[in-house]
Protein backbone atom coordinates (compact mmCIF):
# COMPACT_ATOMS: atom_id res chain seq x y z
CA MET A 1 0.00 0.00 0.00
CA ALA A 2 2.57 2.54 -1.10
CA ASP A 3 -0.10 4.74 -2.64
CA PRO A 4 -1.81 6.79 0.09
CA ARG A 5 -5.06 6.74 -1.91
CA VAL A 6 -5.30 2.98 -1.33
CA PHE A 7 -4.76 3.45 2.40
CA PHE A 8 -7.38 6.19 2.63
CA ALA A 9 -9.86 4.17 0.58
CA ALA A 10 -9.40 1.20 2.93
CA GLU A 11 -9.83 3.47 5.93
CA ARG A 12 -13.04 4.94 4.48
CA THR A 13 -14.37 1.44 3.91
CA LEU A 14 -13.55 0.39 7.48
CA LEU A 15 -15.20 3.49 8.89
CA ALA A 16 -18.27 2.88 6.74
CA TRP A 17 -18.56 -0.67 8.10
CA ILE A 18 -18.19 0.60 11.66
CA ARG A 19 -20.84 3.27 11.05
CA THR A 20 -23.18 0.68 9.55
CA GLY A 21 -22.67 -1.68 12.49
CA LEU A 22 -23.36 1.06 15.02
CA THR A 23 -26.49 2.06 13.12
CA ILE A 24 -27.80 -1.51 13.10
CA MET A 25 -27.07 -1.89 16.83
CA GLY A 26 -28.85 1.39 17.56
CA PHE A 27 -31.86 0.33 15.50
CA GLY A 28 -31.97 -2.98 17.38
CA PHE A 29 -31.90 -1.12 20.69
CA VAL A 30 -34.81 1.09 19.58
CA VAL A 31 -36.83 -1.94 18.47
CA ALA A 32 -36.17 -3.71 21.79
CA ARG A 33 -37.19 -0.64 23.81
CA PHE A 34 -40.33 -0.25 21.71
CA GLY A 35 -41.20 -3.88 22.43
CA LEU A 36 -40.88 -3.24 26.17
CA PHE A 37 -43.01 -0.13 25.82
CA LEU A 38 -45.73 -2.09 24.02
CA ARG A 39 -45.66 -4.82 26.66
CA LEU A 40 -46.11 -2.24 29.45
CA PHE A 41 -48.83 -0.44 27.49
CA VAL A 42 -50.82 -3.65 26.98
CA ALA A 43 -50.36 -4.66 30.64
CA GLN A 44 -51.89 -1.37 31.82
CA ARG A 45 -55.05 -1.84 29.78
């Protein structure tokens, strides 16, 4: 990887994968919390 463009392209790809993973984890957290909210909402009725 003597060409810095190759290094920066690989770094951009890695950062994109990290960003995607964090987004998916955040979405999973929101879905789980929404499920708990629905369970509490139904239990109160």
